[in-house]
Amino acid sequence: MTDQLDPALAARLKRTDDGLVPAIAQQFDTGEVLMMGWMDDEALRRTLTTGRAVYWSRSRQEYWAKGDTSGHVQHVKEVRLDCDGDTLLVKVDQVGAACHTGDRTCFDADLLGPA
């Protein structure tokens, strides 16, 4: 296991000023959008090498592998980089709820439109 992200991949990433890239988690077999988290180079490296989705917590300022405390693990099936290099799509097999509220997805509470 390597201890740094492939430099060729790292060069393609367009990060925020604080070094992060948004990562959309999607259920691999249904296409259901589950959540959005943040990854830096290390979180992406861990995700690619461990097969578990690892994010950077902006509030706690630490890495977290999804499910370490809740048991609601995201087993990574594939990771894609969008055409601009500024967003990751992480296709996962979600075990349990993806949202910290206990809901399956973070996107089922507030439908804004169209009506």
N, C-alpha and C. Protein backbone atom coordinates (compact mmCIF):
# COMPACT_ATOMS: atom_id res chain seq x y z
N MET A 1 0.85 -1.17 0.00
CA MET A 1 0.00 0.00 0.00
C MET A 1 0.90 1.24 0.00
N THR A 2 0.63 2.15 -0.91
CA THR A 2 1.42 3.38 -1.00
C THR A 2 0.95 4.39 0.04
N ASP A 3 1.86 5.27 0.45
CA ASP A 3 1.50 6.24 1.48
C ASP A 3 1.23 7.63 0.91
N GLN A 4 1.09 7.72 -0.42
CA GLN A 4 0.67 8.99 -1.00
C GLN A 4 -0.14 8.73 -2.27
N LEU A 5 -0.99 9.70 -2.58
CA LEU A 5 -1.84 9.61 -3.75
C LEU A 5 -0.97 9.64 -5.01
N ASP A 6 -1.33 8.86 -6.01
CA ASP A 6 -0.62 8.85 -7.28
C ASP A 6 -0.47 10.30 -7.77
N PRO A 7 0.76 10.76 -8.00
CA PRO A 7 0.98 12.14 -8.41
C PRO A 7 0.24 12.54 -9.70
N ALA A 8 0.06 11.62 -10.62
CA ALA A 8 -0.67 11.91 -11.86
C ALA A 8 -2.14 12.21 -11.54
N LEU A 9 -2.73 11.46 -10.62
CA LEU A 9 -4.10 11.71 -10.20
C LEU A 9 -4.17 13.01 -9.40
N ALA A 10 -3.25 13.21 -8.48
CA ALA A 10 -3.24 14.42 -7.67
C ALA A 10 -3.17 15.67 -8.54
N ALA A 11 -2.43 15.61 -9.64
CA ALA A 11 -2.28 16.76 -10.53
C ALA A 11 -3.59 17.10 -11.24
N ARG A 12 -4.48 16.15 -11.35
CA ARG A 12 -5.76 16.37 -12.05
C ARG A 12 -6.82 16.99 -11.15
N LEU A 13 -6.63 16.94 -9.83
CA LEU A 13 -7.64 17.43 -8.89
C LEU A 13 -7.64 18.94 -8.80
N LYS A 14 -8.82 19.53 -8.86
CA LYS A 14 -8.99 20.96 -8.60
C LYS A 14 -9.64 21.08 -7.23
N ARG A 15 -8.87 21.58 -6.29
CA ARG A 15 -9.28 21.62 -4.90
C ARG A 15 -9.78 23.01 -4.50
N THR A 16 -10.54 23.05 -3.42
CA THR A 16 -10.92 24.33 -2.82
C THR A 16 -9.67 24.95 -2.21
N ASP A 17 -9.78 26.17 -1.73
CA ASP A 17 -8.64 26.85 -1.12
C ASP A 17 -8.08 26.09 0.08
N ASP A 18 -8.92 25.29 0.74
CA ASP A 18 -8.44 24.50 1.88
C ASP A 18 -8.06 23.08 1.49
N GLY A 19 -7.89 22.83 0.19
CA GLY A 19 -7.34 21.56 -0.28
C GLY A 19 -8.33 20.42 -0.42
N LEU A 20 -9.61 20.74 -0.46
CA LEU A 20 -10.64 19.70 -0.48
C LEU A 20 -11.35 19.62 -1.83
N VAL A 21 -11.90 18.42 -2.08
CA VAL A 21 -12.70 18.16 -3.28
C VAL A 21 -14.02 17.55 -2.80
N PRO A 22 -15.17 18.06 -3.29
CA PRO A 22 -16.43 17.43 -2.92
C PRO A 22 -16.52 16.02 -3.48
N ALA A 23 -17.08 15.13 -2.68
CA ALA A 23 -17.24 13.73 -3.08
C ALA A 23 -18.70 13.33 -2.88
N ILE A 24 -19.35 12.99 -3.97
CA ILE A 24 -20.74 12.55 -3.94
C ILE A 24 -20.76 11.04 -3.81
N ALA A 25 -21.44 10.53 -2.79
CA ALA A 25 -21.59 9.08 -2.61
C ALA A 25 -22.91 8.65 -3.24
N GLN A 26 -22.83 7.62 -4.08
CA GLN A 26 -24.00 7.12 -4.81
C GLN A 26 -24.06 5.60 -4.66
N GLN A 27 -25.26 5.08 -4.41
CA GLN A 27 -25.44 3.63 -4.35
C GLN A 27 -25.14 3.06 -5.72
N PHE A 28 -24.21 2.11 -5.79
CA PHE A 28 -23.69 1.64 -7.07
C PHE A 28 -24.73 0.95 -7.96
N ASP A 29 -25.68 0.24 -7.38
CA ASP A 29 -26.60 -0.55 -8.19
C ASP A 29 -27.92 0.15 -8.51
N THR A 30 -28.31 1.12 -7.71
CA THR A 30 -29.59 1.80 -7.94
C THR A 30 -29.43 3.23 -8.45
N GLY A 31 -28.23 3.82 -8.26
CA GLY A 31 -28.01 5.20 -8.65
C GLY A 31 -28.48 6.21 -7.62
N GLU A 32 -29.02 5.74 -6.50
CA GLU A 32 -29.50 6.63 -5.46
C GLU A 32 -28.35 7.49 -4.92
N VAL A 33 -28.56 8.81 -4.89
CA VAL A 33 -27.57 9.72 -4.33
C VAL A 33 -27.71 9.69 -2.81
N LEU A 34 -26.63 9.38 -2.12
CA LEU A 34 -26.68 9.15 -0.68
C LEU A 34 -26.24 10.35 0.15
N MET A 35 -25.12 10.94 -0.19
CA MET A 35 -24.57 12.02 0.63
C MET A 35 -23.46 12.73 -0.11
N MET A 36 -23.01 13.83 0.45
CA MET A 36 -21.85 14.55 -0.05
C MET A 36 -20.90 14.73 1.12
N GLY A 37 -19.63 14.43 0.87
CA GLY A 37 -18.60 14.65 1.87
C GLY A 37 -17.41 15.32 1.21
N TRP A 38 -16.37 15.54 1.97
CA TRP A 38 -15.16 16.19 1.45
C TRP A 38 -13.98 15.24 1.53
N MET A 39 -13.15 15.27 0.51
CA MET A 39 -11.92 14.48 0.50
C MET A 39 -10.74 15.39 0.16
N ASP A 40 -9.62 15.12 0.81
CA ASP A 40 -8.36 15.69 0.37
C ASP A 40 -7.56 14.54 -0.23
N ASP A 41 -6.31 14.80 -0.58
CA ASP A 41 -5.51 13.76 -1.22
C ASP A 41 -5.41 12.51 -0.34
N GLU A 42 -5.22 12.69 0.96
CA GLU A 42 -5.07 11.55 1.86
C GLU A 42 -6.37 10.76 1.98
N ALA A 43 -7.49 11.43 2.10
CA ALA A 43 -8.78 10.73 2.17
C ALA A 43 -9.04 9.94 0.89
N LEU A 44 -8.72 10.53 -0.25
CA LEU A 44 -8.89 9.82 -1.51
C LEU A 44 -7.95 8.63 -1.59
N ARG A 45 -6.72 8.80 -1.18
CA ARG A 45 -5.76 7.69 -1.19
C ARG A 45 -6.27 6.55 -0.31
N ARG A 46 -6.74 6.89 0.89
CA ARG A 46 -7.27 5.84 1.79
C ARG A 46 -8.48 5.15 1.18
N THR A 47 -9.34 5.92 0.55
CA THR A 47 -10.53 5.36 -0.10
C THR A 47 -10.13 4.38 -1.19
N LEU A 48 -9.18 4.78 -2.02
CA LEU A 48 -8.75 3.93 -3.13
C LEU A 48 -7.99 2.69 -2.68
N THR A 49 -7.28 2.78 -1.58
CA THR A 49 -6.45 1.64 -1.14
C THR A 49 -7.15 0.71 -0.16
N THR A 50 -8.17 1.20 0.56
CA THR A 50 -8.82 0.36 1.56
C THR A 50 -10.15 -0.22 1.09
N GLY A 51 -10.76 0.40 0.06
CA GLY A 51 -12.07 -0.06 -0.38
C GLY A 51 -13.20 0.42 0.51
N ARG A 52 -12.91 1.32 1.44
CA ARG A 52 -13.91 1.96 2.30
C ARG A 52 -13.87 3.45 2.04
N ALA A 53 -15.03 4.10 2.03
CA ALA A 53 -15.09 5.54 1.82
C ALA A 53 -14.54 6.26 3.05
N VAL A 54 -13.53 7.10 2.82
CA VAL A 54 -12.91 7.89 3.88
C VAL A 54 -13.06 9.36 3.50
N TYR A 55 -13.52 10.15 4.44
CA TYR A 55 -13.76 11.57 4.21
C TYR A 55 -12.95 12.41 5.20
N TRP A 56 -12.87 13.72 4.90
CA TRP A 56 -12.27 14.68 5.82
C TRP A 56 -13.41 15.43 6.49
N SER A 57 -13.45 15.40 7.81
CA SER A 57 -14.47 16.13 8.56
C SER A 57 -13.98 17.55 8.78
N ARG A 58 -14.67 18.50 8.18
CA ARG A 58 -14.29 19.91 8.38
C ARG A 58 -14.59 20.36 9.79
N SER A 59 -15.64 19.84 10.41
CA SER A 59 -15.99 20.27 11.77
C SER A 59 -15.04 19.67 12.82
N ARG A 60 -14.66 18.42 12.64
CA ARG A 60 -13.77 17.76 13.62
C ARG A 60 -12.30 17.86 13.23
N GLN A 61 -12.03 18.27 11.98
CA GLN A 61 -10.65 18.37 11.49
C GLN A 61 -9.92 17.03 11.62
N GLU A 62 -10.59 15.98 11.13
CA GLU A 62 -9.98 14.64 11.15
C GLU A 62 -10.61 13.78 10.07
N TYR A 63 -9.90 12.70 9.73
CA TYR A 63 -10.40 11.72 8.76
C TYR A 63 -11.40 10.82 9.45
N TRP A 64 -12.40 10.39 8.68
CA TRP A 64 -13.33 9.40 9.20
C TRP A 64 -13.74 8.44 8.09
N ALA A 65 -13.58 7.18 8.39
CA ALA A 65 -14.06 6.14 7.48
C ALA A 65 -15.54 5.95 7.80
N LYS A 66 -16.35 6.15 6.78
CA LYS A 66 -17.79 6.06 6.97
C LYS A 66 -18.15 4.72 7.61
N GLY A 67 -18.85 4.79 8.73
CA GLY A 67 -19.30 3.59 9.42
C GLY A 67 -18.46 3.16 10.60
N ASP A 68 -17.33 3.81 10.85
CA ASP A 68 -16.49 3.39 11.98
C ASP A 68 -17.22 3.47 13.31
N THR A 69 -18.07 4.47 13.49
CA THR A 69 -18.81 4.56 14.75
C THR A 69 -20.24 4.07 14.62
N SER A 70 -20.87 4.28 13.45
CA SER A 70 -22.28 3.92 13.27
C SER A 70 -22.48 2.49 12.79
N GLY A 71 -21.46 1.92 12.15
CA GLY A 71 -21.62 0.62 11.51
C GLY A 71 -22.20 0.72 10.11
N HIS A 72 -22.53 1.93 9.67
CA HIS A 72 -23.13 2.15 8.36
C HIS A 72 -22.03 2.40 7.33
N VAL A 73 -21.39 1.33 6.95
CA VAL A 73 -20.18 1.35 6.13
C VAL A 73 -20.51 1.60 4.66
N GLN A 74 -19.60 2.26 3.97
CA GLN A 74 -19.68 2.41 2.52
C GLN A 74 -18.54 1.61 1.90
N HIS A 75 -18.89 0.49 1.26
CA HIS A 75 -17.92 -0.32 0.54
C HIS A 75 -17.80 0.24 -0.88
N VAL A 76 -16.61 0.69 -1.24
CA VAL A 76 -16.40 1.39 -2.50
C VAL A 76 -16.34 0.40 -3.66
N LYS A 77 -17.15 0.67 -4.67
CA LYS A 77 -17.16 -0.13 -5.90
C LYS A 77 -16.34 0.53 -6.99
N GLU A 78 -16.40 1.86 -7.09
CA GLU A 78 -15.57 2.60 -8.04
C GLU A 78 -15.56 4.07 -7.65
N VAL A 79 -14.54 4.77 -8.10
CA VAL A 79 -14.42 6.21 -7.89
C VAL A 79 -14.16 6.85 -9.24
N ARG A 80 -14.91 7.91 -9.52
CA ARG A 80 -14.76 8.63 -10.79
C ARG A 80 -14.49 10.10 -10.51
N LEU A 81 -13.73 10.71 -11.41
CA LEU A 81 -13.45 12.14 -11.35
C LEU A 81 -14.22 12.80 -12.48
N ASP A 82 -14.90 13.91 -12.19
CA ASP A 82 -15.67 14.56 -13.25
C ASP A 82 -14.76 15.23 -14.26
N CYS A 83 -15.35 15.69 -15.35
CA CYS A 83 -14.59 16.23 -16.49
C CYS A 83 -13.77 17.46 -16.13
N ASP A 84 -14.17 18.21 -15.12
CA ASP A 84 -13.43 19.40 -14.70
C ASP A 84 -12.39 19.10 -13.62
N GLY A 85 -12.41 17.91 -13.06
CA GLY A 85 -11.47 17.55 -12.02
C GLY A 85 -11.79 18.14 -10.66
N ASP A 86 -13.04 18.65 -10.50
CA ASP A 86 -13.36 19.31 -9.24
C ASP A 86 -14.42 18.62 -8.39
N THR A 87 -14.85 17.43 -8.80
CA THR A 87 -15.83 16.67 -8.02
C THR A 87 -15.57 15.18 -8.22
N LEU A 88 -15.67 14.45 -7.13
CA LEU A 88 -15.52 12.99 -7.16
C LEU A 88 -16.89 12.34 -7.05
N LEU A 89 -17.08 11.25 -7.76
CA LEU A 89 -18.26 10.41 -7.62
C LEU A 89 -17.78 9.08 -7.05
N VAL A 90 -18.27 8.76 -5.85
CA VAL A 90 -17.86 7.53 -5.17
C VAL A 90 -19.06 6.59 -5.19
N LYS A 91 -18.97 5.55 -6.02
CA LYS A 91 -20.05 4.57 -6.11
C LYS A 91 -19.79 3.51 -5.04
N VAL A 92 -20.78 3.33 -4.17
CA VAL A 92 -20.60 2.50 -2.98
C VAL A 92 -21.74 1.50 -2.83
N ASP A 93 -21.49 0.50 -2.01
CA ASP A 93 -22.54 -0.36 -1.49
C ASP A 93 -22.75 0.08 -0.05
N GLN A 94 -23.83 0.81 0.18
CA GLN A 94 -24.12 1.40 1.48
C GLN A 94 -24.75 0.36 2.40
N VAL A 95 -24.18 0.21 3.59
CA VAL A 95 -24.75 -0.65 4.62
C VAL A 95 -25.47 0.26 5.62
N GLY A 96 -26.79 0.15 5.71
CA GLY A 96 -27.54 0.99 6.64
C GLY A 96 -27.72 2.39 6.10
N ALA A 97 -27.93 3.32 7.03
CA ALA A 97 -28.20 4.71 6.68
C ALA A 97 -26.92 5.43 6.26
N ALA A 98 -27.04 6.32 5.28
CA ALA A 98 -25.90 7.13 4.87
C ALA A 98 -25.87 8.45 5.63
N CYS A 99 -27.03 8.96 6.00
CA CYS A 99 -27.12 10.27 6.64
C CYS A 99 -26.94 10.17 8.15
N HIS A 100 -26.31 11.19 8.71
CA HIS A 100 -26.09 11.21 10.16
C HIS A 100 -27.40 11.31 10.95
N THR A 101 -28.51 11.65 10.27
CA THR A 101 -29.82 11.73 10.93
C THR A 101 -30.47 10.35 11.06
N GLY A 102 -29.86 9.35 10.41
CA GLY A 102 -30.43 8.01 10.44
C GLY A 102 -31.23 7.68 9.20
N ASP A 103 -31.38 8.65 8.29
CA ASP A 103 -32.08 8.41 7.03
C ASP A 103 -31.17 7.69 6.05
N ARG A 104 -31.77 7.00 5.13
CA ARG A 104 -31.02 6.27 4.10
C ARG A 104 -30.13 7.22 3.30
N THR A 105 -30.67 8.38 2.94
CA THR A 105 -29.95 9.37 2.15
C THR A 105 -30.08 10.74 2.79
N CYS A 106 -29.12 11.60 2.54
CA CYS A 106 -29.18 12.98 3.04
C CYS A 106 -30.09 13.86 2.20
N PHE A 107 -30.60 13.32 1.09
CA PHE A 107 -31.36 14.13 0.14
C PHE A 107 -32.83 13.78 0.07
N ASP A 108 -33.44 13.26 1.15
CA ASP A 108 -34.83 12.90 1.07
C ASP A 108 -35.76 13.78 1.92
N ALA A 109 -35.22 14.76 2.61
CA ALA A 109 -36.05 15.54 3.54
C ALA A 109 -36.67 16.79 2.92
N ASP A 110 -35.93 17.51 2.11
CA ASP A 110 -36.41 18.82 1.64
C ASP A 110 -36.48 18.88 0.12
N LEU A 111 -37.66 18.65 -0.44
CA LEU A 111 -37.88 18.81 -1.87
C LEU A 111 -38.16 20.28 -2.13
N LEU A 112 -37.28 20.92 -2.88
CA LEU A 112 -37.39 22.36 -3.11
C LEU A 112 -38.19 22.70 -4.37
N GLY A 113 -38.35 21.76 -5.26
CA GLY A 113 -39.12 22.03 -6.47
C GLY A 113 -38.65 21.15 -7.59
N PRO A 114 -39.24 21.15 -8.73
CA PRO A 114 -40.51 21.85 -8.98
C PRO A 114 -41.67 21.17 -8.28
N ALA A 115 -42.70 21.96 -8.06
CA ALA A 115 -43.88 21.46 -7.32
C ALA A 115 -44.73 20.60 -8.19
